Amino acid sequence: MNNSRICRLMSLVFVLLCGLQAANGQKLKTEEIIAKHLEAMGGAETLKSVTTRIFGGTVISTFKTPALARFGGRAVLASDGRKNLMAMVFDQTNYPQEKIGFDGSDVSASYIRPGIRSDLSEFLLAHRAIIKQGVWGGALSQAWPLLNAIEYKVKVESAGTKKIDDRMVYQLKFYPIGTDLRVTMFFDAETFHHVRTEYNRSIEGQMGRTPETSASTGETRYKLVEDFSDFRKEGGLTLPHAYKIYFETAGRSGSYKAEWAITLSEFQFNQRIDPTVFDVDDKRSKSN
């Protein structure tokens, strides 16, 4: 065997070995993914030094179906331990606000008109476990369950890798207590930043007395997605400055699609937060 053939053979073996090492490197355990994620956020010492968070910015709300609308407003995210608040306020008569809060005891949501909540709020109230358990809001929230997975008795498991927009990500299946939502968290394979959470649920239609009536009560699908991007340091933590919420429902009664794109520019840490701000259920709106 001449030298050129030996060199080609060695090169082929080297490429195969590198590919094998890369594949093995992708098989990280659940606890390894979480550890690398926390380190990417700022590390244990920095994370422990933060007790509360108040983030502010702008939001653009876009409704795609059943009617098209687009307008801007202000957004605030606040968290103190397990307590959590997301608030968006708009200068719109038919859609003045979108608020969801957890005061440490129960989840509450605002009204857009007397006695009427938005589709997003109704969905979150119906699946309040993801808010109580800190999944909602991702790593932007002090309530993020991966900050203390042992104390919060978090049940997660690795689900391999996939590509999102040509970017390789690790998947963690999260199993919230008290809801049948399918929850998947996604982490950038290079940076280990939390870049997405997906929530999915399908409800089978009930059987009718005839095939015709059964067909009219077909499956209803729900999909909620939180996307996080534009990671930069604030107060020692590396956090997303862009936060997008996408909500979609589809069923026999029609479809609904909307998104909220939040750009965060104001960051405060370790400020005292009045506990009452986490209860957003305006009693007056219900009684009017």
Protein backbone atom coordinates (compact mmCIF):
# COMPACT_ATOMS: atom_id res chain seq x y z
CA MET A 1 0.00 0.00 0.00
CA ASN A 2 1.57 3.28 -1.10
CA ASN A 3 1.84 6.36 1.08
CA SER A 4 -0.99 8.26 -0.64
CA ARG A 5 -3.48 5.43 -0.02
CA ILE A 6 -2.37 5.19 3.61
CA CYS A 7 -2.88 8.94 4.06
CA ARG A 8 -6.37 8.75 2.54
CA LEU A 9 -7.27 5.81 4.77
CA MET A 10 -6.01 7.61 7.89
CA SER A 11 -7.96 10.71 6.91
CA LEU A 12 -11.15 8.65 6.52
CA VAL A 13 -10.64 7.03 9.93
CA PHE A 14 -10.04 10.43 11.50
CA VAL A 15 -13.25 11.84 10.01
CA LEU A 16 -15.24 8.82 11.21
CA LEU A 17 -13.81 9.09 14.72
CA CYS A 18 -14.59 12.81 14.89
CA GLY A 19 -18.15 12.13 13.78
CA LEU A 20 -18.51 9.42 16.42
CA GLN A 21 -17.16 11.74 19.13
CA ALA A 22 -19.54 14.51 18.07
CA ALA A 23 -22.50 12.12 18.16
CA ASN A 24 -21.50 10.88 21.60
CA GLY A 25 -21.05 14.45 22.77
CA GLN A 26 -24.68 15.14 21.94
CA LYS A 27 -25.88 12.44 24.33
CA LEU A 28 -25.86 14.62 27.40
CA LYS A 29 -27.76 13.54 30.47
CA THR A 30 -30.66 15.64 31.74
CA GLU A 31 -28.70 16.90 34.73
CA GLU A 32 -25.77 17.86 32.48
CA ILE A 33 -28.01 19.97 30.24
CA ILE A 34 -29.50 21.73 33.27
CA ALA A 35 -26.07 22.34 34.81
CA LYS A 36 -24.69 23.82 31.59
CA HIS A 37 -27.83 25.95 31.22
CA LEU A 38 -27.46 27.42 34.72
CA GLU A 39 -23.78 28.10 34.13
CA ALA A 40 -24.66 29.88 30.86
CA MET A 41 -27.11 32.10 32.74
CA GLY A 42 -24.43 33.26 35.16
CA GLY A 43 -23.42 30.46 37.47
CA ALA A 44 -24.62 29.35 40.90
CA GLU A 45 -23.17 32.25 42.92
CA THR A 46 -24.68 34.95 40.69
CA LEU A 47 -28.02 33.20 40.46
CA LYS A 48 -28.25 32.89 44.25
CA SER A 49 -27.55 36.62 44.64
CA VAL A 50 -30.77 37.49 42.78
CA THR A 51 -34.06 37.39 44.70
CA THR A 52 -36.46 39.49 42.61
CA ARG A 53 -36.67 40.65 39.01
CA ILE A 54 -38.59 43.48 37.33
CA PHE A 55 -38.21 43.76 33.55
CA GLY A 56 -39.91 46.28 31.28
CA GLY A 57 -40.18 47.07 27.60
CA THR A 58 -42.46 47.31 24.60
CA VAL A 59 -44.77 44.79 22.98
CA ILE A 60 -46.34 44.42 19.56
CA SER A 61 -49.49 42.31 19.47
CA THR A 62 -50.51 40.71 16.18
CA PHE A 63 -53.82 38.89 15.70
CA LYS A 64 -53.90 36.77 12.54
CA THR A 65 -57.18 34.86 12.71
CA PRO A 66 -60.15 35.09 12.90
CA ALA A 67 -59.55 38.86 12.44
CA LEU A 68 -56.39 40.74 11.52
CA ALA A 69 -55.10 43.42 13.90
CA ARG A 70 -51.75 44.80 15.00
CA PHE A 71 -50.90 47.35 17.70
CA GLY A 72 -48.26 48.18 20.27
CA GLY A 73 -48.12 48.65 24.01
CA ARG A 74 -46.00 48.28 27.15
CA ALA A 75 -44.94 45.07 28.87
CA VAL A 76 -43.74 44.27 32.40
CA LEU A 77 -42.44 41.00 33.82
CA ALA A 78 -41.98 40.67 37.59
CA SER A 79 -41.06 37.74 39.81
CA ASP A 80 -40.27 37.15 43.45
CA GLY A 81 -39.49 33.55 44.35
CA ARG A 82 -42.40 31.47 43.03
CA LYS A 83 -44.57 34.58 42.55
CA ASN A 84 -44.78 35.66 38.93
CA LEU A 85 -46.43 38.36 36.79
CA MET A 86 -46.69 39.06 33.09
CA ALA A 87 -48.55 42.25 32.15
CA MET A 88 -49.15 43.88 28.79
CA VAL A 89 -51.12 47.12 28.46
CA PHE A 90 -52.53 48.53 25.22
CA ASP A 91 -54.36 51.71 24.24
CA GLN A 92 -57.21 49.67 22.74
CA THR A 93 -60.83 49.68 23.87
CA ASN A 94 -61.50 46.07 22.88
CA TYR A 95 -58.16 44.78 24.13
CA PRO A 96 -56.81 47.05 26.89
CA GLN A 97 -54.64 44.53 28.71
CA GLU A 98 -53.31 41.03 29.08
CA LYS A 99 -52.25 40.12 32.61
CA ILE A 100 -51.54 36.79 34.24
CA GLY A 101 -50.19 36.45 37.77
CA PHE A 102 -49.39 33.92 40.47
CA ASP A 103 -49.37 35.24 44.04
CA GLY A 104 -47.89 32.12 45.58
CA SER A 105 -51.33 30.66 46.23
CA ASP A 106 -53.36 30.83 43.04
CA VAL A 107 -53.24 32.05 39.46
CA SER A 108 -55.31 35.05 38.34
CA ALA A 109 -55.95 36.73 35.00
CA SER A 110 -57.30 40.11 33.95
CA TYR A 111 -60.46 40.86 31.98
CA ILE A 112 -60.49 42.57 28.60
CA ARG A 113 -64.16 43.47 29.05
CA PRO A 114 -66.51 42.97 32.01
CA GLY A 115 -66.75 39.23 32.59
CA ILE A 116 -64.67 38.39 29.49
CA ARG A 117 -61.05 37.25 29.34
CA SER A 118 -58.85 36.80 26.29
CA ASP A 119 -58.29 33.41 24.65
CA LEU A 120 -54.71 33.37 25.93
CA SER A 121 -55.75 34.09 29.52
CA GLU A 122 -58.49 31.47 29.41
CA PHE A 123 -55.99 28.88 28.20
CA LEU A 124 -53.44 29.76 30.88
CA LEU A 125 -56.08 29.65 33.61
CA ALA A 126 -57.20 26.24 32.38
CA HIS A 127 -53.59 25.05 32.59
CA ARG A 128 -52.44 27.09 35.57
CA ALA A 129 -50.02 24.36 36.62
CA ILE A 130 -47.39 25.68 34.18
CA ILE A 131 -47.58 29.08 35.91
CA LYS A 132 -47.65 27.70 39.46
CA GLN A 133 -44.63 25.55 38.64
CA GLY A 134 -42.70 28.44 37.06
CA VAL A 135 -42.44 27.15 33.49
CA TRP A 136 -44.27 30.17 32.02
CA GLY A 137 -41.81 32.99 31.25
CA GLY A 138 -38.83 30.70 30.97
CA ALA A 139 -35.46 31.75 32.37
CA LEU A 140 -36.66 35.37 32.52
CA SER A 141 -38.53 34.48 35.70
CA GLN A 142 -37.17 34.00 39.19
CA ALA A 143 -39.72 31.17 39.39
CA TRP A 144 -37.96 29.19 36.62
CA PRO A 145 -38.06 25.62 38.00
CA LEU A 146 -34.62 24.64 36.70
CA LEU A 147 -33.05 27.15 39.11
CA ASN A 148 -33.78 24.69 41.89
CA ALA A 149 -34.89 21.44 40.29
CA ILE A 150 -34.41 19.36 43.44
CA GLU A 151 -36.39 21.60 45.81
CA TYR A 152 -39.18 22.06 43.28
CA LYS A 153 -39.23 18.30 42.55
CA VAL A 154 -39.00 18.96 38.83
CA LYS A 155 -39.64 15.97 36.57
CA VAL A 156 -37.76 16.34 33.29
CA GLU A 157 -36.01 13.99 30.92
CA SER A 158 -33.78 14.40 27.92
CA ALA A 159 -35.43 13.92 24.54
CA GLY A 160 -32.39 14.16 22.28
CA THR A 161 -31.64 16.89 19.78
CA LYS A 162 -33.37 18.54 16.83
CA LYS A 163 -32.98 21.56 14.62
CA ILE A 164 -34.91 24.82 15.01
CA ASP A 165 -34.23 27.34 12.23
CA ASP A 166 -30.97 25.55 11.30
CA ARG A 167 -29.82 25.67 14.93
CA MET A 168 -29.20 22.47 16.86
CA VAL A 169 -30.97 22.35 20.22
CA TYR A 170 -31.30 19.94 23.12
CA GLN A 171 -34.81 18.96 24.15
CA LEU A 172 -36.05 18.39 27.67
CA LYS A 173 -39.50 16.94 28.25
CA PHE A 174 -41.08 18.63 31.27
CA TYR A 175 -43.90 16.89 33.13
CA PRO A 176 -45.98 19.44 35.05
CA ILE A 177 -48.14 18.19 37.89
CA GLY A 178 -51.87 18.75 37.45
CA THR A 179 -52.19 19.17 33.68
CA ASP A 180 -52.07 16.94 30.62
CA LEU A 181 -50.19 19.51 28.52
CA ARG A 182 -47.20 18.17 26.62
CA VAL A 183 -44.34 20.52 27.50
CA THR A 184 -40.95 20.60 25.78
CA MET A 185 -38.06 22.94 26.60
CA PHE A 186 -35.34 23.69 24.06
CA PHE A 187 -31.73 24.72 24.76
CA ASP A 188 -29.17 25.96 22.26
CA ALA A 189 -26.63 23.16 21.75
CA GLU A 190 -23.70 25.62 21.74
CA THR A 191 -24.65 28.21 24.37
CA PHE A 192 -27.18 26.21 26.45
CA HIS A 193 -29.45 29.24 26.61
CA HIS A 194 -33.13 28.38 26.96
CA VAL A 195 -34.51 29.42 23.55
CA ARG A 196 -38.02 27.95 23.44
CA THR A 197 -40.81 26.22 25.33
CA GLU A 198 -43.65 24.49 23.49
CA TYR A 199 -46.98 23.49 25.01
CA ASN A 200 -49.31 21.19 23.10
CA ARG A 201 -52.67 19.64 23.82
CA SER A 202 -55.26 17.80 21.73
CA ILE A 203 -58.83 17.14 22.85
CA GLU A 204 -60.69 14.42 21.02
CA GLY A 205 -64.27 15.17 20.01
CA GLN A 206 -67.03 13.31 21.80
CA MET A 207 -68.87 10.53 20.03
CA GLY A 208 -72.27 11.57 18.76
CA ARG A 209 -75.35 9.46 18.20
CA THR A 210 -74.63 9.27 14.48
CA PRO A 211 -71.46 9.45 12.33
CA GLU A 212 -72.57 12.89 11.17
CA THR A 213 -72.85 14.33 14.68
CA SER A 214 -69.56 12.68 15.69
CA ALA A 215 -67.80 14.39 12.78
CA SER A 216 -69.12 17.76 13.93
CA THR A 217 -67.39 17.35 17.31
CA GLY A 218 -63.89 16.69 15.95
CA GLU A 219 -60.50 17.16 17.57
CA THR A 220 -59.44 20.54 18.99
CA ARG A 221 -55.72 21.33 19.07
CA TYR A 222 -53.92 23.91 21.19
CA LYS A 223 -50.37 25.11 20.69
CA LEU A 224 -48.57 27.70 22.79
CA VAL A 225 -44.94 28.65 22.07
CA GLU A 226 -42.55 30.93 23.94
CA ASP A 227 -39.43 31.98 22.01
CA PHE A 228 -36.42 33.68 23.63
CA SER A 229 -33.55 35.38 21.78
CA ASP A 230 -31.07 38.29 21.81
CA PHE A 231 -29.19 37.12 24.89
CA ARG A 232 -27.13 39.76 26.71
CA LYS A 233 -25.86 40.36 30.22
CA GLU A 234 -27.92 42.28 32.75
CA GLY A 235 -27.01 42.41 36.43
CA GLY A 236 -24.52 39.58 35.99
CA LEU A 237 -27.10 37.30 34.34
CA THR A 238 -27.23 36.47 30.65
CA LEU A 239 -30.88 36.91 29.72
CA PRO A 240 -33.01 37.17 26.57
CA HIS A 241 -34.03 40.67 25.52
CA ALA A 242 -36.54 39.41 22.95
CA TYR A 243 -39.50 37.31 24.10
CA LYS A 244 -42.21 36.16 21.70
CA ILE A 245 -45.43 34.35 22.61
CA TYR A 246 -47.38 32.50 19.94
CA PHE A 247 -50.80 30.96 20.58
CA GLU A 248 -52.88 28.90 18.19
CA THR A 249 -56.07 26.86 18.42
CA ALA A 250 -57.72 24.82 15.70
CA GLY A 251 -60.94 22.85 15.75
CA ARG A 252 -64.35 22.37 14.18
CA SER A 253 -65.48 25.76 15.49
CA GLY A 254 -62.66 27.59 13.70
CA SER A 255 -59.12 28.71 14.35
CA TYR A 256 -57.36 31.39 16.36
CA LYS A 257 -53.79 32.65 15.86
CA ALA A 258 -52.04 35.48 17.67
CA GLU A 259 -48.57 36.49 18.79
CA TRP A 260 -47.02 38.98 21.18
CA ALA A 261 -43.46 40.18 20.50
CA ILE A 262 -41.87 41.73 23.60
CA THR A 263 -38.61 43.70 23.52
CA LEU A 264 -37.11 44.17 26.97
CA SER A 265 -34.93 47.20 27.71
CA GLU A 266 -35.32 47.83 31.46
CA PHE A 267 -33.90 45.42 34.04
CA GLN A 268 -34.05 45.71 37.81
CA PHE A 269 -32.95 43.16 40.38
CA ASN A 270 -33.44 42.70 44.13
CA GLN A 271 -36.07 45.42 44.41
CA ARG A 272 -38.94 44.98 46.84
CA ILE A 273 -42.17 44.05 45.04
CA ASP A 274 -45.55 44.65 46.66
CA PRO A 275 -47.12 41.15 46.93
CA THR A 276 -50.50 42.50 45.79
CA VAL A 277 -49.21 43.13 42.26
CA PHE A 278 -49.20 39.39 41.61
CA ASP A 279 -53.00 39.21 42.01
CA VAL A 280 -54.40 40.68 38.77
CA ASP A 281 -58.03 39.54 39.17
CA ASP A 282 -59.90 42.86 39.05
CA LYS A 283 -63.06 42.10 41.04
CA ARG A 284 -64.71 45.24 39.72
CA SER A 285 -64.48 44.00 36.14
CA LYS A 286 -66.50 40.91 37.03
CA SER A 287 -69.27 42.76 38.81
CA ASN A 288 -69.79 45.60 36.35
